[in-house]
Amino acid sequence: MDKPSPGKVLLALDVSPRSRAALELAAALAAARDVELAGLFIEDINLLHLAALPFTREIGQFSRASPLATPQLEHALRCEAEQARHLLADTATRLQLRWSFQLARGQIATELFARADEPDLVVLGKSARMGTMPLWTLLCEAPPPPPRQHVTRPRLLVLFDGSPGAARALALARDLAQSQDGELRVLIPADNEADFLRHANAAMALAPASAGSCRRLLPGDTRALAAAVREENASSLVLDGSRSLRSGTGFAALLNDIDCPVILVS
């Protein structure tokens, strides 16, 4: 038996449909690399601070507004974390993967980037605020499966600025598109047309399948990036995890504005 490769795939997850898609993607990446699948559930510290305020109220689907106590919120988050751990364990067992699960408390960007130098890849399946499930739905039991959706050809987006890290992100996106029989689209941040064409030519040299599918964005514009992801109906977004998106606010805004999994390449 070959010696397992070093490294791991770190997955930030919850129990939302977006997170389930990210789990399958992260598991496939871990299996292809023969590395550990490391799950991370982050309790939103901002939400816990909000719950501690005396005027905070929770509004349920069929109930009146009621005080939201910190112990109640902590219990709900722990229930969701346990659901996420079971989802991770079931997937890892099915694919015979080595796996681990860790619970953390903080802000998602801060917690992720504190760990970003350890794994080969980081896959995100949750937003930077508390996920898609209201507190009154967070029960300590497995949630129902998401509704079956029409299957379309995967469309992978990658942000490419010509840097070595972006080249690694593009290479991964290219390989994923090939393995999934998907489409590859390249988003290029550029101040002018000359820079855009230069980076587009470099992208096409690294990934010939991206020819004719390069799109220009303004550098550092996370709103434009999020809009492009939505307009392209992306199945996943691949980013260089070592560059400008380490800005906590910009990264958090991006995660909150898109619905597909995000892959950070170290």
C-alpha atoms as a PDB file:
ATOM      1  CA  MET A   1       0.000   0.000   0.000  1.00  0.00           C
ATOM      2  CA  ASP A   2       1.343   3.436  -0.940  1.00  0.00           C
ATOM      3  CA  LYS A   3       2.217   5.817   1.861  1.00  0.00           C
ATOM      4  CA  PRO A   4      -0.540   8.459   2.317  1.00  0.00           C
ATOM      5  CA  SER A   5       0.303  11.931   1.056  1.00  0.00           C
ATOM      6  CA  PRO A   6       0.947  14.638   3.661  1.00  0.00           C
ATOM      7  CA  GLY A   7      -1.538  17.437   4.143  1.00  0.00           C
ATOM      8  CA  LYS A   8      -5.297  17.594   4.403  1.00  0.00           C
ATOM      9  CA  VAL A   9      -8.407  19.214   2.994  1.00  0.00           C
ATOM     10  CA  LEU A  10     -10.023  21.584   5.494  1.00  0.00           C
ATOM     11  CA  LEU A  11     -13.787  21.978   5.186  1.00  0.00           C
ATOM     12  CA  ALA A  12     -15.752  24.727   6.947  1.00  0.00           C
ATOM     13  CA  LEU A  13     -19.293  23.401   7.108  1.00  0.00           C
ATOM     14  CA  ASP A  14     -22.779  23.568   8.580  1.00  0.00           C
ATOM     15  CA  VAL A  15     -25.909  21.635   7.551  1.00  0.00           C
ATOM     16  CA  SER A  16     -27.175  23.815   4.698  1.00  0.00           C
ATOM     17  CA  PRO A  17     -27.620  22.508   1.123  1.00  0.00           C
ATOM     18  CA  ARG A  18     -24.616  24.639   0.121  1.00  0.00           C
ATOM     19  CA  SER A  19     -22.532  22.930   2.788  1.00  0.00           C
ATOM     20  CA  ARG A  20     -23.639  19.478   1.649  1.00  0.00           C
ATOM     21  CA  ALA A  21     -22.418  20.299  -1.876  1.00  0.00           C
ATOM     22  CA  ALA A  22     -19.130  21.532  -0.416  1.00  0.00           C
ATOM     23  CA  LEU A  23     -18.802  18.325   1.620  1.00  0.00           C
ATOM     24  CA  GLU A  24     -19.070  16.141  -1.474  1.00  0.00           C
ATOM     25  CA  LEU A  25     -16.536  18.341  -3.270  1.00  0.00           C
ATOM     26  CA  ALA A  26     -14.084  18.358  -0.361  1.00  0.00           C
ATOM     27  CA  ALA A  27     -14.418  14.606   0.076  1.00  0.00           C
ATOM     28  CA  ALA A  28     -13.670  14.024  -3.605  1.00  0.00           C
ATOM     29  CA  LEU A  29     -10.595  16.256  -3.357  1.00  0.00           C
ATOM     30  CA  ALA A  30      -9.373  14.451  -0.234  1.00  0.00           C
ATOM     31  CA  ALA A  31      -9.904  11.069  -1.882  1.00  0.00           C
ATOM     32  CA  ALA A  32      -8.007  12.119  -5.013  1.00  0.00           C
ATOM     33  CA  ARG A  33      -5.047  13.289  -2.889  1.00  0.00           C
ATOM     34  CA  ASP A  34      -5.262  10.484  -0.309  1.00  0.00           C
ATOM     35  CA  VAL A  35      -5.278  13.029   2.537  1.00  0.00           C
ATOM     36  CA  GLU A  36      -7.369  13.656   5.630  1.00  0.00           C
ATOM     37  CA  LEU A  37     -10.735  15.380   5.392  1.00  0.00           C
ATOM     38  CA  ALA A  38     -10.787  17.826   8.323  1.00  0.00           C
ATOM     39  CA  GLY A  39     -14.171  19.311   9.194  1.00  0.00           C
ATOM     40  CA  LEU A  40     -14.426  22.636  11.005  1.00  0.00           C
ATOM     41  CA  PHE A  41     -17.627  24.052  12.477  1.00  0.00           C
ATOM     42  CA  ILE A  42     -17.309  27.693  13.528  1.00  0.00           C
ATOM     43  CA  GLU A  43     -19.737  29.136  16.056  1.00  0.00           C
ATOM     44  CA  ASP A  44     -20.398  32.750  15.074  1.00  0.00           C
ATOM     45  CA  ILE A  45     -19.053  34.889  17.917  1.00  0.00           C
ATOM     46  CA  ASN A  46     -20.889  37.954  16.600  1.00  0.00           C
ATOM     47  CA  LEU A  47     -24.197  36.135  16.845  1.00  0.00           C
ATOM     48  CA  LEU A  48     -23.420  35.092  20.406  1.00  0.00           C
ATOM     49  CA  HIS A  49     -22.587  38.691  21.298  1.00  0.00           C
ATOM     50  CA  LEU A  50     -25.894  39.748  19.752  1.00  0.00           C
ATOM     51  CA  ALA A  51     -27.804  37.188  21.799  1.00  0.00           C
ATOM     52  CA  ALA A  52     -26.327  38.643  24.975  1.00  0.00           C
ATOM     53  CA  LEU A  53     -27.932  42.034  24.329  1.00  0.00           C
ATOM     54  CA  PRO A  54     -31.119  42.598  26.410  1.00  0.00           C
ATOM     55  CA  PHE A  55     -33.223  43.840  23.488  1.00  0.00           C
ATOM     56  CA  THR A  56     -32.487  40.909  21.150  1.00  0.00           C
ATOM     57  CA  ARG A  57     -35.565  38.913  20.142  1.00  0.00           C
ATOM     58  CA  GLU A  58     -36.067  35.726  18.150  1.00  0.00           C
ATOM     59  CA  ILE A  59     -39.032  35.597  15.756  1.00  0.00           C
ATOM     60  CA  GLY A  60     -40.153  32.097  14.816  1.00  0.00           C
ATOM     61  CA  GLN A  61     -42.194  31.051  11.817  1.00  0.00           C
ATOM     62  CA  PHE A  62     -45.344  30.464  13.882  1.00  0.00           C
ATOM     63  CA  SER A  63     -44.523  32.216  17.138  1.00  0.00           C
ATOM     64  CA  ARG A  64     -44.332  35.696  18.570  1.00  0.00           C
ATOM     65  CA  ALA A  65     -41.073  37.493  19.276  1.00  0.00           C
ATOM     66  CA  SER A  66     -39.378  36.129  22.387  1.00  0.00           C
ATOM     67  CA  PRO A  67     -36.120  36.878  24.217  1.00  0.00           C
ATOM     68  CA  LEU A  68     -33.118  35.080  22.761  1.00  0.00           C
ATOM     69  CA  ALA A  69     -30.930  33.824  25.590  1.00  0.00           C
ATOM     70  CA  THR A  70     -27.268  32.957  25.099  1.00  0.00           C
ATOM     71  CA  PRO A  71     -27.657  29.406  26.529  1.00  0.00           C
ATOM     72  CA  GLN A  72     -30.482  28.726  24.061  1.00  0.00           C
ATOM     73  CA  LEU A  73     -28.343  29.889  21.149  1.00  0.00           C
ATOM     74  CA  GLU A  74     -25.323  27.925  22.321  1.00  0.00           C
ATOM     75  CA  HIS A  75     -27.474  24.782  22.528  1.00  0.00           C
ATOM     76  CA  ALA A  76     -28.799  25.363  18.998  1.00  0.00           C
ATOM     77  CA  LEU A  77     -25.309  25.845  17.620  1.00  0.00           C
ATOM     78  CA  ARG A  78     -24.058  22.688  19.327  1.00  0.00           C
ATOM     79  CA  CYS A  79     -26.979  20.766  17.830  1.00  0.00           C
ATOM     80  CA  GLU A  80     -26.123  22.035  14.368  1.00  0.00           C
ATOM     81  CA  ALA A  81     -22.462  21.177  14.946  1.00  0.00           C
ATOM     82  CA  GLU A  82     -23.419  17.621  15.886  1.00  0.00           C
ATOM     83  CA  GLN A  83     -25.497  17.300  12.726  1.00  0.00           C
ATOM     84  CA  ALA A  84     -22.544  18.563  10.686  1.00  0.00           C
ATOM     85  CA  ARG A  85     -20.210  16.067  12.363  1.00  0.00           C
ATOM     86  CA  HIS A  86     -22.559  13.184  11.494  1.00  0.00           C
ATOM     87  CA  LEU A  87     -22.744  14.318   7.860  1.00  0.00           C
ATOM     88  CA  LEU A  88     -18.949  14.480   7.705  1.00  0.00           C
ATOM     89  CA  ALA A  89     -18.529  11.077   9.346  1.00  0.00           C
ATOM     90  CA  ASP A  90     -21.057   9.402   7.058  1.00  0.00           C
ATOM     91  CA  THR A  91     -19.432  10.813   3.922  1.00  0.00           C
ATOM     92  CA  ALA A  92     -15.901   9.978   5.044  1.00  0.00           C
ATOM     93  CA  THR A  93     -16.922   6.439   5.982  1.00  0.00           C
ATOM     94  CA  ARG A  94     -18.622   5.907   2.631  1.00  0.00           C
ATOM     95  CA  LEU A  95     -15.466   6.983   0.780  1.00  0.00           C
ATOM     96  CA  GLN A  96     -13.077   5.346   3.279  1.00  0.00           C
ATOM     97  CA  LEU A  97     -11.387   8.636   4.122  1.00  0.00           C
ATOM     98  CA  ARG A  98      -9.408   9.613   7.182  1.00  0.00           C
ATOM     99  CA  TRP A  99     -11.339  12.398   8.868  1.00  0.00           C
ATOM    100  CA  SER A 100     -11.455  14.684  11.873  1.00  0.00           C
ATOM    101  CA  PHE A 101     -13.867  17.264  13.227  1.00  0.00           C
ATOM    102  CA  GLN A 102     -13.164  20.399  15.222  1.00  0.00           C
ATOM    103  CA  LEU A 103     -15.455  22.938  16.869  1.00  0.00           C
ATOM    104  CA  ALA A 104     -14.278  26.553  17.054  1.00  0.00           C
ATOM    105  CA  ARG A 105     -15.761  29.873  18.106  1.00  0.00           C
ATOM    106  CA  GLY A 106     -14.969  33.136  16.358  1.00  0.00           C
ATOM    107  CA  GLN A 107     -15.301  34.840  12.993  1.00  0.00           C
ATOM    108  CA  ILE A 108     -15.103  32.562   9.988  1.00  0.00           C
ATOM    109  CA  ALA A 109     -12.419  34.509   8.093  1.00  0.00           C
ATOM    110  CA  THR A 110     -10.212  34.815  11.173  1.00  0.00           C
ATOM    111  CA  GLU A 111     -10.567  31.160  12.139  1.00  0.00           C
ATOM    112  CA  LEU A 112      -9.978  29.903   8.614  1.00  0.00           C
ATOM    113  CA  PHE A 113      -6.937  32.003   7.863  1.00  0.00           C
ATOM    114  CA  ALA A 114      -5.437  31.045  11.215  1.00  0.00           C
ATOM    115  CA  ARG A 115      -5.457  27.474   9.891  1.00  0.00           C
ATOM    116  CA  ALA A 116      -4.926  28.170   6.189  1.00  0.00           C
ATOM    117  CA  ASP A 117      -1.201  27.356   6.204  1.00  0.00           C
ATOM    118  CA  GLU A 118      -1.800  23.804   7.466  1.00  0.00           C
ATOM    119  CA  PRO A 119      -3.987  22.161   4.777  1.00  0.00           C
ATOM    120  CA  ASP A 120      -3.443  21.696   1.054  1.00  0.00           C
ATOM    121  CA  LEU A 121      -6.902  23.077   0.320  1.00  0.00           C
ATOM    122  CA  VAL A 122      -9.674  24.892   2.171  1.00  0.00           C
ATOM    123  CA  VAL A 123     -13.280  24.311   1.084  1.00  0.00           C
ATOM    124  CA  LEU A 124     -16.043  26.541   2.418  1.00  0.00           C
ATOM    125  CA  GLY A 125     -19.639  25.453   2.576  1.00  0.00           C
ATOM    126  CA  LYS A 126     -21.025  28.081   4.921  1.00  0.00           C
ATOM    127  CA  SER A 127     -21.490  31.837   4.983  1.00  0.00           C
ATOM    128  CA  ALA A 128     -19.637  34.287   7.199  1.00  0.00           C
ATOM    129  CA  ARG A 129     -22.742  34.793   9.308  1.00  0.00           C
ATOM    130  CA  MET A 130     -24.868  32.142  10.938  1.00  0.00           C
ATOM    131  CA  GLY A 131     -26.106  29.836   8.234  1.00  0.00           C
ATOM    132  CA  THR A 132     -29.318  29.432   6.400  1.00  0.00           C
ATOM    133  CA  MET A 133     -31.315  27.804   9.210  1.00  0.00           C
ATOM    134  CA  PRO A 134     -33.348  29.850  11.709  1.00  0.00           C
ATOM    135  CA  LEU A 135     -32.900  28.924  15.351  1.00  0.00           C
ATOM    136  CA  TRP A 136     -36.339  27.359  15.614  1.00  0.00           C
ATOM    137  CA  THR A 137     -35.319  24.735  13.004  1.00  0.00           C
ATOM    138  CA  LEU A 138     -32.092  23.735  14.746  1.00  0.00           C
ATOM    139  CA  LEU A 139     -33.179  20.473  16.376  1.00  0.00           C
ATOM    140  CA  CYS A 140     -30.882  17.707  17.600  1.00  0.00           C
ATOM    141  CA  GLU A 141     -31.818  15.310  14.831  1.00  0.00           C
ATOM    142  CA  ALA A 142     -30.724  14.790  11.264  1.00  0.00           C
ATOM    143  CA  PRO A 143     -32.338  17.338   8.906  1.00  0.00           C
ATOM    144  CA  PRO A 144     -34.282  16.146   5.872  1.00  0.00           C
ATOM    145  CA  PRO A 145     -32.303  15.876   2.641  1.00  0.00           C
ATOM    146  CA  PRO A 146     -32.435  18.882   0.316  1.00  0.00           C
ATOM    147  CA  PRO A 147     -34.961  18.732  -2.526  1.00  0.00           C
ATOM    148  CA  ARG A 148     -33.723  17.038  -5.674  1.00  0.00           C
ATOM    149  CA  GLN A 149     -32.680  19.598  -8.257  1.00  0.00           C
ATOM    150  CA  HIS A 150     -32.247  19.424 -12.002  1.00  0.00           C
ATOM    151  CA  VAL A 151     -28.675  18.329 -12.726  1.00  0.00           C
ATOM    152  CA  THR A 152     -26.769  20.619 -15.089  1.00  0.00           C
ATOM    153  CA  ARG A 153     -23.196  20.600 -16.330  1.00  0.00           C
ATOM    154  CA  PRO A 154     -20.924  21.956 -13.558  1.00  0.00           C
ATOM    155  CA  ARG A 155     -19.485  25.411 -14.164  1.00  0.00           C
ATOM    156  CA  LEU A 156     -16.275  26.188 -12.295  1.00  0.00           C
ATOM    157  CA  LEU A 157     -15.082  29.752 -11.865  1.00  0.00           C
ATOM    158  CA  VAL A 158     -11.524  30.720 -10.960  1.00  0.00           C
ATOM    159  CA  LEU A 159     -10.027  34.124 -10.165  1.00  0.00           C
ATOM    160  CA  PHE A 160      -6.747  34.565 -12.055  1.00  0.00           C
ATOM    161  CA  ASP A 161      -4.375  37.548 -11.827  1.00  0.00           C
ATOM    162  CA  GLY A 162      -1.206  35.966 -13.185  1.00  0.00           C
ATOM    163  CA  SER A 163       0.377  35.300  -9.779  1.00  0.00           C
ATOM    164  CA  PRO A 164       1.885  31.908  -8.865  1.00  0.00           C
ATOM    165  CA  GLY A 165      -0.930  31.297  -6.367  1.00  0.00           C
ATOM    166  CA  ALA A 166      -3.543  32.112  -8.995  1.00  0.00           C
ATOM    167  CA  ALA A 167      -1.800  29.718 -11.386  1.00  0.00           C
ATOM    168  CA  ARG A 168      -2.173  26.935  -8.809  1.00  0.00           C
ATOM    169  CA  ALA A 169      -5.848  27.835  -8.402  1.00  0.00           C
ATOM    170  CA  LEU A 170      -6.325  27.747 -12.171  1.00  0.00           C
ATOM    171  CA  ALA A 171      -4.616  24.359 -12.415  1.00  0.00           C
ATOM    172  CA  LEU A 172      -6.948  22.922  -9.786  1.00  0.00           C
ATOM    173  CA  ALA A 173     -10.023  24.440 -11.459  1.00  0.00           C
ATOM    174  CA  ARG A 174      -8.873  23.014 -14.800  1.00  0.00           C
ATOM    175  CA  ASP A 175      -8.442  19.532 -13.334  1.00  0.00           C
ATOM    176  CA  LEU A 176     -11.811  19.697 -11.561  1.00  0.00           C
ATOM    177  CA  ALA A 177     -13.566  20.817 -14.737  1.00  0.00           C
ATOM    178  CA  GLN A 178     -12.038  17.889 -16.612  1.00  0.00           C
ATOM    179  CA  SER A 179     -12.911  15.332 -13.929  1.00  0.00           C
ATOM    180  CA  GLN A 180     -16.491  16.627 -13.652  1.00  0.00           C
ATOM    181  CA  ASP A 181     -16.989  17.140 -17.406  1.00  0.00           C
ATOM    182  CA  GLY A 182     -17.681  20.754 -16.513  1.00  0.00           C
ATOM    183  CA  GLU A 183     -17.128  24.190 -17.966  1.00  0.00           C
ATOM    184  CA  LEU A 184     -14.222  26.399 -16.894  1.00  0.00           C
ATOM    185  CA  ARG A 185     -14.667  30.176 -16.684  1.00  0.00           C
ATOM    186  CA  VAL A 186     -11.800  32.526 -15.751  1.00  0.00           C
ATOM    187  CA  LEU A 187     -12.409  35.811 -13.928  1.00  0.00           C
ATOM    188  CA  ILE A 188      -9.538  38.251 -14.424  1.00  0.00           C
ATOM    189  CA  PRO A 189      -9.099  41.351 -12.236  1.00  0.00           C
ATOM    190  CA  ALA A 190      -7.491  44.038 -14.392  1.00  0.00           C
ATOM    191  CA  ASP A 191      -7.380  47.844 -14.385  1.00  0.00           C
ATOM    192  CA  ASN A 192      -7.119  48.088 -18.148  1.00  0.00           C
ATOM    193  CA  GLU A 193      -7.623  46.112 -21.335  1.00  0.00           C
ATOM    194  CA  ALA A 194      -3.904  45.480 -21.849  1.00  0.00           C
ATOM    195  CA  ASP A 195      -3.542  43.803 -18.448  1.00  0.00           C
ATOM    196  CA  PHE A 196      -6.698  41.814 -19.070  1.00  0.00           C
ATOM    197  CA  LEU A 197      -5.428  40.486 -22.409  1.00  0.00           C
ATOM    198  CA  ARG A 198      -2.029  39.644 -20.914  1.00  0.00           C
ATOM    199  CA  HIS A 199      -3.565  37.628 -18.085  1.00  0.00           C
ATOM    200  CA  ALA A 200      -6.129  36.059 -20.422  1.00  0.00           C
ATOM    201  CA  ASN A 201      -3.350  34.795 -22.693  1.00  0.00           C
ATOM    202  CA  ALA A 202      -1.494  33.403 -19.676  1.00  0.00           C
ATOM    203  CA  ALA A 203      -4.671  31.676 -18.488  1.00  0.00           C
ATOM    204  CA  MET A 204      -5.292  30.099 -21.876  1.00  0.00           C
ATOM    205  CA  ALA A 205      -1.690  28.829 -21.950  1.00  0.00           C
ATOM    206  CA  LEU A 206      -2.210  27.109 -18.584  1.00  0.00           C
ATOM    207  CA  ALA A 207      -5.761  25.956 -19.323  1.00  0.00           C
ATOM    208  CA  PRO A 208      -6.571  25.840 -23.053  1.00  0.00           C
ATOM    209  CA  ALA A 209     -10.179  24.940 -22.205  1.00  0.00           C
ATOM    210  CA  SER A 210     -10.622  28.478 -20.866  1.00  0.00           C
ATOM    211  CA  ALA A 211     -10.210  30.009 -24.335  1.00  0.00           C
ATOM    212  CA  GLY A 212     -13.037  32.440 -24.994  1.00  0.00           C
ATOM    213  CA  SER A 213     -14.341  32.231 -21.434  1.00  0.00           C
ATOM    214  CA  CYS A 214     -12.342  34.981 -19.711  1.00  0.00           C
ATOM    215  CA  ARG A 215     -14.207  37.821 -18.035  1.00  0.00           C
ATOM    216  CA  ARG A 216     -12.733  41.079 -16.773  1.00  0.00           C
ATOM    217  CA  LEU A 217     -13.387  42.403 -13.255  1.00  0.00           C
ATOM    218  CA  LEU A 218     -12.094  45.435 -11.389  1.00  0.00           C
ATOM    219  CA  PRO A 219      -9.345  44.443  -8.924  1.00  0.00           C
ATOM    220  CA  GLY A 220     -10.472  44.112  -5.314  1.00  0.00           C
ATOM    221  CA  ASP A 221     -14.180  44.470  -6.116  1.00  0.00           C
ATOM    222  CA  THR A 222     -15.755  41.646  -4.102  1.00  0.00           C
ATOM    223  CA  ARG A 223     -19.269  42.759  -5.030  1.00  0.00           C
ATOM    224  CA  ALA A 224     -18.468  42.446  -8.724  1.00  0.00           C
ATOM    225  CA  LEU A 225     -16.884  39.048  -8.057  1.00  0.00           C
ATOM    226  CA  ALA A 226     -19.995  37.873  -6.202  1.00  0.00           C
ATOM    227  CA  ALA A 227     -22.229  39.203  -8.977  1.00  0.00           C
ATOM    228  CA  ALA A 228     -20.205  37.336 -11.583  1.00  0.00           C
ATOM    229  CA  VAL A 229     -20.483  34.104  -9.593  1.00  0.00           C
ATOM    230  CA  ARG A 230     -24.260  34.488  -9.427  1.00  0.00           C
ATOM    231  CA  GLU A 231     -24.634  35.462 -13.092  1.00  0.00           C
ATOM    232  CA  GLU A 232     -22.507  32.507 -14.233  1.00  0.00           C
ATOM    233  CA  ASN A 233     -24.521  30.151 -12.006  1.00  0.00           C
ATOM    234  CA  ALA A 234     -21.236  28.731 -10.737  1.00  0.00           C
ATOM    235  CA  SER A 235     -21.068  25.290  -9.160  1.00  0.00           C
ATOM    236  CA  SER A 236     -17.881  26.297  -7.318  1.00  0.00           C
ATOM    237  CA  LEU A 237     -15.405  29.171  -7.091  1.00  0.00           C
ATOM    238  CA  VAL A 238     -11.647  28.561  -6.866  1.00  0.00           C
ATOM    239  CA  LEU A 239      -9.406  31.248  -5.343  1.00  0.00           C
ATOM    240  CA  ASP A 240      -5.792  31.780  -4.423  1.00  0.00           C
ATOM    241  CA  GLY A 241      -6.034  31.605  -0.635  1.00  0.00           C
ATOM    242  CA  SER A 242      -2.869  33.578   0.011  1.00  0.00           C
ATOM    243  CA  ARG A 243      -3.692  36.938  -1.515  1.00  0.00           C
ATOM    244  CA  SER A 244      -5.990  39.949  -1.124  1.00  0.00           C
ATOM    245  CA  LEU A 245      -9.110  38.053  -0.061  1.00  0.00           C
ATOM    246  CA  ARG A 246      -7.505  37.571   3.349  1.00  0.00           C
ATOM    247  CA  SER A 247      -9.157  40.889   4.180  1.00  0.00           C
ATOM    248  CA  GLY A 248     -11.737  39.758   6.723  1.00  0.00           C
ATOM    249  CA  THR A 249     -14.514  42.129   5.667  1.00  0.00           C
ATOM    250  CA  GLY A 250     -14.068  41.584   1.934  1.00  0.00           C
ATOM    251  CA  PHE A 251     -13.919  37.833   2.300  1.00  0.00           C
ATOM    252  CA  ALA A 252     -16.928  37.744   4.621  1.00  0.00           C
ATOM    253  CA  ALA A 253     -18.937  39.882   2.193  1.00  0.00           C
ATOM    254  CA  LEU A 254     -18.099  37.511  -0.645  1.00  0.00           C
ATOM    255  CA  LEU A 255     -19.147  34.415   1.323  1.00  0.00           C
ATOM    256  CA  ASN A 256     -22.438  36.028   2.282  1.00  0.00           C
ATOM    257  CA  ASP A 257     -23.255  37.022  -1.307  1.00  0.00           C
ATOM    258  CA  ILE A 258     -22.792  33.692  -3.096  1.00  0.00           C
ATOM    259  CA  ASP A 259     -24.350  30.242  -2.739  1.00  0.00           C
ATOM    260  CA  CYS A 260     -21.736  27.918  -4.202  1.00  0.00           C
ATOM    261  CA  PRO A 261     -18.803  26.265  -2.408  1.00  0.00           C
ATOM    262  CA  VAL A 262     -15.509  28.169  -2.368  1.00  0.00           C
ATOM    263  CA  ILE A 263     -12.102  26.450  -2.687  1.00  0.00           C
ATOM    264  CA  LEU A 264      -8.991  28.230  -1.382  1.00  0.00           C
ATOM    265  CA  VAL A 265      -5.706  26.955  -2.811  1.00  0.00           C
ATOM    266  CA  SER A 266      -2.623  27.493  -0.661  1.00  0.00           C
END
